[in-house]
N, C-alpha and C. Protein backbone atom coordinates (compact mmCIF):
# COMPACT_ATOMS: atom_id res chain seq x y z
N MET A 1 -58.71 23.08 22.64
CA MET A 1 -59.16 21.65 23.54
C MET A 1 -58.49 20.78 22.14
N ARG A 2 -57.61 21.24 21.38
CA ARG A 2 -56.87 20.11 20.54
C ARG A 2 -55.61 19.79 21.42
N ILE A 3 -55.57 21.06 22.26
CA ILE A 3 -53.93 20.99 22.75
C ILE A 3 -53.82 19.66 23.94
N LEU A 4 -54.55 20.12 24.36
CA LEU A 4 -54.88 19.12 25.47
C LEU A 4 -55.00 17.23 24.91
N SER A 5 -55.97 17.12 23.83
CA SER A 5 -55.59 15.99 23.67
C SER A 5 -54.16 15.54 22.98
N LYS A 6 -53.40 16.36 22.36
CA LYS A 6 -52.49 15.98 22.32
C LYS A 6 -51.77 15.85 23.48
N ILE A 7 -51.36 16.72 24.55
CA ILE A 7 -50.77 16.51 25.98
C ILE A 7 -51.21 15.06 26.48
N ARG A 8 -52.09 14.40 26.45
CA ARG A 8 -52.72 13.10 26.75
C ARG A 8 -51.84 12.22 25.51
N LEU A 9 -51.89 12.43 24.77
CA LEU A 9 -51.40 11.53 23.57
C LEU A 9 -50.02 11.21 23.94
N VAL A 10 -48.85 12.26 24.13
CA VAL A 10 -47.68 12.36 24.41
C VAL A 10 -47.44 11.68 25.93
N LEU A 11 -48.40 12.25 26.95
CA LEU A 11 -48.05 11.39 28.31
C LEU A 11 -48.88 9.67 28.34
N ALA A 12 -49.51 9.28 27.35
CA ALA A 12 -49.86 7.75 27.34
C ALA A 12 -48.62 6.90 26.18
N PHE A 13 -48.02 7.81 25.15
CA PHE A 13 -46.66 7.58 24.47
C PHE A 13 -45.51 7.37 26.08
N MET A 14 -45.66 8.29 26.70
CA MET A 14 -43.90 8.23 27.96
C MET A 14 -44.73 7.05 28.80
N LEU A 15 -45.63 6.79 29.48
CA LEU A 15 -46.34 6.01 29.65
C LEU A 15 -45.75 4.63 29.47
N LEU A 16 -46.04 4.56 28.20
CA LEU A 16 -45.69 2.87 27.47
C LEU A 16 -44.21 2.77 27.52
N ILE A 17 -43.78 3.96 27.35
CA ILE A 17 -42.13 3.89 27.03
C ILE A 17 -41.68 3.77 28.30
N LEU A 18 -42.06 4.04 29.65
CA LEU A 18 -41.48 3.83 30.64
C LEU A 18 -42.05 2.39 31.51
N GLY A 19 -42.99 2.18 31.08
CA GLY A 19 -43.56 0.37 31.36
C GLY A 19 -42.99 -0.28 30.59
N MET A 20 -41.95 -0.17 29.28
CA MET A 20 -41.16 -1.13 28.84
C MET A 20 -40.22 -1.19 29.46
N ILE A 21 -39.54 -0.10 30.14
CA ILE A 21 -38.04 0.26 30.79
C ILE A 21 -37.83 -0.75 31.72
N THR A 22 -39.17 -0.29 32.59
CA THR A 22 -39.29 -1.18 33.81
C THR A 22 -39.35 -2.51 33.61
N LEU A 23 -39.67 -3.42 32.92
CA LEU A 23 -40.15 -4.39 32.42
C LEU A 23 -38.37 -4.63 31.83
N HIS A 24 -37.93 -3.90 31.38
CA HIS A 24 -36.63 -4.65 30.77
C HIS A 24 -36.05 -4.93 32.42
N ALA A 25 -35.80 -3.33 32.84
CA ALA A 25 -35.03 -3.88 34.41
C ALA A 25 -34.85 -5.19 35.22
N LYS A 26 -36.43 -5.92 35.20
CA LYS A 26 -36.86 -7.22 35.56
C LYS A 26 -36.25 -7.97 35.66
N GLU A 27 -36.63 -7.96 34.08
CA GLU A 27 -35.74 -9.23 32.99
C GLU A 27 -34.29 -9.21 33.73
N ASP A 28 -33.15 -8.23 33.55
CA ASP A 28 -31.82 -8.30 33.92
C ASP A 28 -31.65 -8.54 35.13
N SER A 29 -32.68 -8.09 36.18
CA SER A 29 -31.88 -8.66 37.68
C SER A 29 -32.87 -9.73 37.86
N LYS A 30 -33.48 -10.42 36.92
CA LYS A 30 -33.94 -11.87 37.49
C LYS A 30 -32.55 -12.63 36.41
N ALA A 31 -31.98 -12.08 35.96
CA ALA A 31 -30.90 -12.98 35.23
C ALA A 31 -29.31 -12.74 35.99
N LEU A 32 -29.29 -11.96 36.46
CA LEU A 32 -28.71 -11.72 37.32
C LEU A 32 -28.24 -12.13 38.53
N GLU A 33 -29.75 -12.43 39.44
CA GLU A 33 -29.97 -13.03 40.46
C GLU A 33 -29.69 -14.92 39.82
N LEU A 34 -29.82 -14.97 38.59
CA LEU A 34 -29.36 -16.40 38.44
C LEU A 34 -28.33 -17.13 38.16
N LYS A 35 -27.54 -15.61 37.91
CA LYS A 35 -25.95 -16.14 37.61
C LYS A 35 -25.14 -16.35 39.12
N LYS A 36 -26.06 -15.38 39.95
CA LYS A 36 -25.71 -15.69 41.61
C LYS A 36 -25.94 -16.90 42.21
N LYS A 37 -26.59 -17.46 41.83
CA LYS A 37 -27.45 -18.85 42.34
C LYS A 37 -26.21 -19.47 41.82
N ALA A 38 -26.08 -19.40 40.52
CA ALA A 38 -24.80 -20.63 40.16
C ALA A 38 -23.95 -20.24 40.69
N ILE A 39 -23.45 -19.02 40.99
CA ILE A 39 -22.30 -19.17 41.61
C ILE A 39 -22.05 -19.84 42.88
N TYR A 40 -22.73 -19.69 43.61
CA TYR A 40 -23.31 -19.88 45.17
C TYR A 40 -22.96 -21.63 45.07
N TYR A 41 -23.78 -21.92 43.96
CA TYR A 41 -23.99 -23.13 44.14
C TYR A 41 -22.72 -23.91 43.96
N GLU A 42 -21.93 -23.34 43.04
CA GLU A 42 -20.60 -24.25 42.78
C GLU A 42 -19.30 -23.87 43.55
N ILE A 43 -19.70 -22.54 44.37
CA ILE A 43 -18.65 -22.61 45.49
C ILE A 43 -19.37 -23.56 46.91
N LYS A 44 -20.40 -23.79 46.59
CA LYS A 44 -20.44 -24.15 47.66
C LYS A 44 -20.94 -26.24 47.52
N ALA A 45 -20.57 -26.52 46.16
CA ALA A 45 -20.32 -27.45 45.49
C ALA A 45 -18.39 -27.82 46.48
N GLN A 46 -17.75 -26.79 46.12
CA GLN A 46 -16.27 -27.13 46.34
C GLN A 46 -16.84 -27.06 48.15
N LEU A 47 -16.76 -26.36 48.67
CA LEU A 47 -16.93 -26.39 50.36
C LEU A 47 -17.87 -27.98 50.54
N ALA A 48 -18.65 -28.14 50.10
CA ALA A 48 -19.13 -29.70 50.52
C ALA A 48 -18.09 -30.60 50.43
N THR A 49 -17.30 -30.48 49.84
CA THR A 49 -16.70 -31.53 49.13
C THR A 49 -14.85 -31.45 49.53
N GLU A 50 -15.05 -30.20 50.36
CA GLU A 50 -13.72 -29.47 51.16
C GLU A 50 -12.91 -29.86 50.54
N GLU A 51 -12.48 -29.28 48.99
CA GLU A 51 -11.56 -28.50 48.14
C GLU A 51 -11.45 -27.44 48.73
N ILE A 52 -12.35 -26.38 49.19
CA ILE A 52 -11.76 -25.11 49.78
C ILE A 52 -12.55 -24.96 51.66
N THR A 53 -11.73 -23.91 51.72
CA THR A 53 -12.07 -23.59 53.69
C THR A 53 -12.91 -22.53 53.75
N LEU A 54 -13.68 -21.93 53.97
CA LEU A 54 -14.65 -21.54 54.60
C LEU A 54 -14.27 -20.37 54.05
N GLN A 55 -13.38 -19.68 54.83
CA GLN A 55 -12.83 -18.50 54.31
C GLN A 55 -12.35 -18.34 52.89
N GLU A 56 -11.60 -19.24 52.31
CA GLU A 56 -11.62 -19.19 50.78
C GLU A 56 -12.83 -19.34 50.29
N ALA A 57 -13.45 -19.89 50.86
CA ALA A 57 -14.82 -19.45 50.09
C ALA A 57 -15.49 -18.01 50.07
N GLN A 58 -15.54 -17.42 51.53
CA GLN A 58 -15.99 -16.48 50.82
C GLN A 58 -15.28 -15.34 50.38
N ARG A 59 -14.08 -15.31 50.72
CA ARG A 59 -12.98 -14.44 49.63
C ARG A 59 -13.54 -14.70 48.41
N LEU A 60 -13.79 -16.36 47.67
CA LEU A 60 -14.27 -16.32 46.51
C LEU A 60 -15.28 -15.86 46.15
N TRP A 61 -16.42 -15.85 46.70
CA TRP A 61 -17.80 -15.32 46.11
C TRP A 61 -17.86 -13.40 46.57
N LYS A 62 -17.21 -13.14 47.19
CA LYS A 62 -16.59 -11.81 47.06
C LYS A 62 -16.48 -11.21 45.93
N LYS A 63 -15.07 -12.20 45.57
CA LYS A 63 -14.13 -11.90 44.55
C LYS A 63 -15.19 -11.81 43.06
N LYS A 64 -16.32 -13.02 42.82
CA LYS A 64 -16.78 -13.31 42.00
C LYS A 64 -18.06 -12.70 42.00
N ILE A 65 -18.31 -11.94 42.76
CA ILE A 65 -19.47 -11.16 42.61
C ILE A 65 -19.01 -9.83 42.53
N LYS A 66 -18.28 -9.47 42.61
CA LYS A 66 -17.36 -8.24 41.88
C LYS A 66 -16.79 -8.14 40.50
N HIS A 67 -16.85 -9.30 40.19
CA HIS A 67 -16.45 -9.34 38.50
C HIS A 67 -17.74 -9.54 38.35
N LEU A 68 -18.58 -10.08 38.48
CA LEU A 68 -19.94 -9.91 37.80
C LEU A 68 -20.54 -8.64 37.89
N LYS A 69 -20.70 -7.83 39.10
CA LYS A 69 -20.77 -6.70 38.39
C LYS A 69 -20.64 -6.06 37.60
N LYS A 70 -18.91 -5.88 37.70
CA LYS A 70 -18.50 -4.93 37.07
C LYS A 70 -19.22 -5.28 35.27
N GLU A 71 -18.74 -6.81 35.10
CA GLU A 71 -19.31 -7.28 33.40
C GLU A 71 -20.56 -7.15 33.17
N GLU A 72 -21.48 -6.53 34.64
CA GLU A 72 -23.36 -6.36 34.18
C GLU A 72 -23.07 -4.37 34.01
N ALA A 73 -21.92 -3.98 34.61
CA ALA A 73 -22.65 -2.32 33.87
C ALA A 73 -21.70 -2.34 32.72
N LYS A 74 -20.59 -3.23 32.30
CA LYS A 74 -20.37 -2.68 30.70
C LYS A 74 -21.39 -2.82 29.92
């Protein structure tokens, strides 16, 4: 009987840890989405003022997102 209560305690602790990891991952994804929106609006402003063409904007978007993903991987 004592073994079962220890197993329950270990499982409850593991569930707590996994919940904390999941919560942390959601916060990171929100920060990533905000960074993507900032890049999008920056490029959109340049496009609206006709500083860059549509093709240049697409190329710039891909380049900045690729750089952002590399930065997040570190």
